[in-house]
Protein backbone atom coordinates (compact mmCIF):
# COMPACT_ATOMS: atom_id res chain seq x y z
CA MET A 1 -14.09 20.55 -11.55
CA ARG A 2 -11.37 23.41 -11.54
CA THR A 3 -10.61 24.53 -14.73
CA ASP A 4 -7.18 26.17 -13.56
CA VAL A 5 -6.37 21.99 -12.87
CA HIS A 6 -7.40 21.02 -16.69
CA ASP A 7 -5.21 24.22 -17.76
CA ALA A 8 -1.90 23.13 -15.86
CA ILE A 9 -2.24 19.53 -17.11
CA ALA A 10 -3.05 20.71 -20.57
CA ALA A 11 -0.06 22.95 -21.08
CA ARG A 12 2.03 20.29 -18.52
CA ILE A 13 1.54 17.43 -21.26
CA LYS A 14 1.49 19.50 -24.64
CA THR A 15 5.82 19.45 -23.78
CA THR A 16 5.85 15.75 -23.43
CA ASP A 17 2.94 13.79 -25.53
CA GLY A 18 0.66 16.40 -26.69
CA ARG A 19 -2.49 15.96 -26.03
CA TYR A 20 -4.97 16.27 -22.99
CA THR A 21 -7.67 13.33 -24.45
CA GLN A 22 -11.02 12.91 -23.13
CA SER A 23 -9.68 10.12 -21.09
CA ARG A 24 -6.66 11.59 -19.14
CA ARG A 25 -9.67 14.33 -18.16
CA ARG A 26 -11.56 11.64 -16.76
CA LEU A 27 -9.27 10.06 -14.77
CA VAL A 28 -8.12 13.69 -13.91
CA GLU A 29 -11.96 14.09 -12.56
CA VAL A 30 -11.21 10.98 -10.83
CA LEU A 31 -8.82 11.66 -8.60
CA VAL A 32 -9.89 15.60 -8.08
CA ALA A 33 -13.43 13.76 -7.02
CA ALA A 34 -11.79 11.20 -4.53
CA LEU A 35 -9.66 13.10 -2.36
CA GLN A 36 -7.54 10.28 -1.50
CA PRO A 37 -5.31 8.38 -3.07
CA LEU A 38 -6.41 5.77 -5.31
CA THR A 39 -5.78 2.22 -6.80
CA VAL A 40 -6.04 1.29 -10.63
CA GLU A 41 -9.00 -1.04 -9.74
CA GLU A 42 -10.88 1.98 -8.11
CA ILE A 43 -9.47 4.81 -10.53
CA VAL A 44 -11.25 1.82 -13.13
CA GLU A 45 -14.45 2.10 -11.59
CA HIS A 46 -15.08 5.87 -10.96
CA SER A 47 -13.91 6.48 -14.37
CA ARG A 48 -15.64 3.51 -15.91
CA LEU A 49 -12.65 3.50 -18.61
CA PRO A 50 -11.25 0.49 -19.33
CA LEU A 51 -7.87 -0.82 -17.34
CA SER A 52 -5.38 -0.36 -20.68
CA SER A 53 -6.67 2.93 -20.97
CA VAL A 54 -6.25 3.77 -16.91
CA TYR A 55 -2.34 2.13 -16.77
CA ARG A 56 -1.68 3.75 -20.33
CA ASN A 57 -2.62 7.19 -19.05
CA LEU A 58 -1.35 6.84 -15.61
CA ALA A 59 1.91 6.47 -17.21
CA VAL A 60 1.69 9.99 -19.22
CA LEU A 61 0.49 11.58 -16.52
CA GLU A 62 2.66 9.69 -14.10
CA GLU A 63 6.12 10.66 -16.68
CA SER A 64 4.57 13.85 -16.98
CA GLY A 65 5.12 14.71 -12.66
CA LEU A 66 1.34 15.43 -13.21
CA VAL A 67 0.40 12.29 -10.81
CA HIS A 68 2.69 10.63 -8.18
CA ARG A 69 2.87 7.38 -7.14
CA LEU A 70 2.25 5.85 -3.36
CA ALA A 71 3.56 2.73 -1.46
CA GLY A 72 -0.15 1.51 -0.44
CA HIS A 73 -0.92 -1.69 1.36
CA GLY A 74 0.45 -4.81 0.12
CA ASP A 75 1.35 -5.00 -3.92
CA PHE A 76 -1.32 -2.19 -4.38
CA ALA A 77 -0.37 1.07 -5.64
CA ARG A 78 -2.11 3.97 -5.06
CA PHE A 79 -1.81 7.56 -6.99
CA GLU A 80 -2.75 10.90 -6.49
CA LEU A 81 -2.65 14.48 -8.15
CA ALA A 82 0.69 16.09 -7.44
CA GLU A 83 1.16 18.67 -5.25
CA GLU A 84 1.32 22.01 -7.21
CA LEU A 85 -2.14 21.15 -8.83
CA VAL A 86 -3.92 19.91 -5.37
CA GLY A 87 -2.48 21.76 -2.41
CA HIS A 88 0.50 20.06 -0.29
CA HIS A 89 -1.15 17.69 1.98
CA ASP A 90 -0.29 14.59 4.50
CA HIS A 91 -2.57 10.81 4.78
CA LEU A 92 -3.60 9.04 6.67
CA VAL A 93 -2.69 5.08 5.90
CA CYS A 94 -4.43 2.33 7.05
CA ALA A 95 -2.04 -0.58 8.13
CA SER A 96 -5.00 -3.14 7.98
CA CYS A 97 -6.21 -2.97 4.92
CA GLY A 98 -3.99 -0.11 2.79
CA ALA A 99 -7.04 2.86 2.25
CA MET A 100 -5.28 6.54 2.86
CA ILE A 101 -6.95 9.41 3.64
CA ASP A 102 -5.86 13.02 2.96
CA ILE A 103 -4.89 15.13 5.54
CA ALA A 104 -4.32 18.92 5.96
CA PHE A 105 -2.58 19.89 8.66
CA PRO A 106 -3.39 23.19 10.53
CA ALA A 107 -0.74 26.11 9.43
CA ALA A 108 1.07 27.15 11.78
CA LEU A 109 1.77 22.69 13.15
CA GLU A 110 2.90 22.82 9.15
CA ALA A 111 5.35 25.79 9.67
CA GLU A 112 6.31 24.42 12.78
CA LEU A 113 7.31 20.88 11.28
CA GLY A 114 9.19 22.61 7.68
CA ARG A 115 11.75 24.09 10.74
CA ALA A 116 12.13 21.46 12.59
CA LEU A 117 12.25 19.57 9.65
CA ALA A 118 14.64 22.02 8.51
CA ARG A 119 16.96 21.69 12.14
CA LEU A 120 17.03 17.95 11.94
CA ALA A 121 18.79 17.84 7.84
CA ARG A 122 20.76 20.57 8.93
CA ARG A 123 22.74 18.60 11.30
CA LYS A 124 22.47 15.69 8.30
CA GLY A 125 24.54 17.97 5.92
CA PHE A 126 20.73 17.56 4.27
CA GLN A 127 18.69 19.79 2.23
CA VAL A 128 15.13 19.59 2.69
CA GLY A 129 13.32 20.02 -0.12
CA SER A 130 9.13 19.54 0.55
CA HIS A 131 7.87 16.58 3.10
CA ARG A 132 5.58 13.89 3.53
CA VAL A 133 3.87 12.74 6.70
CA ASP A 134 2.25 9.23 6.60
CA ALA A 135 0.86 8.89 9.95
CA ILE A 136 0.16 4.75 9.77
CA GLY A 137 -2.79 3.61 11.89
CA ARG A 138 -6.42 1.49 11.90
CA CYS A 139 -9.27 3.35 9.55
CA PRO A 140 -12.67 3.45 11.68
CA GLU A 141 -13.82 0.17 9.43
CA CYS A 142 -11.14 -1.84 9.84
CA VAL A 143 -11.20 -0.86 14.01
CA SER A 144 -14.83 -1.91 13.91
CA VAL A 145 -14.41 -5.58 12.90
CA GLY A 146 -11.19 -5.66 14.39
CA ARG A 147 -8.82 -5.87 11.50
C-alpha cells in the first residue's frame, strides 16, 4: 500500500473529522487493492469490517471528497477512491450484472478525448473541468452464460 495515499487521506480527514482510524485505513486498503469500484457488500467481504462501520466510514470519506459514489447496476452504488489519489481512469460497466472495471486510455487518446470534449462543450457555452467515460456492455462472465 502506498504511504502517500494514506498520508493524503490522513491530512484531508484531519480538516473534517480529525481521525484516520484503523477501520478507515482498512477500508482504503480494500479500495486500492480492488482496482475497480466496489459495492458496500464487497467492501464488507474483503475488509471483514462490520456493515455499520463500512457505512459510517464511507460517509466520512465521501464527505471529505476522498471516496466517490458511482451509480451501479440496479440499486447498488459502487465506491472508489477519488481520482486525485489514484489517477484518472474510466470504466467498463456490465449492463447485466453491474460489474465495473477500471480502464485507462493511452495518453494520446486521453488527450484527444479531452480536446474533443472541450470543443463540443464550448459550442454549448460549457466549460469542462473533467470527464468520466463509462462504456456499457457485458462482462466476460455474463457473455459466457448468455446474460
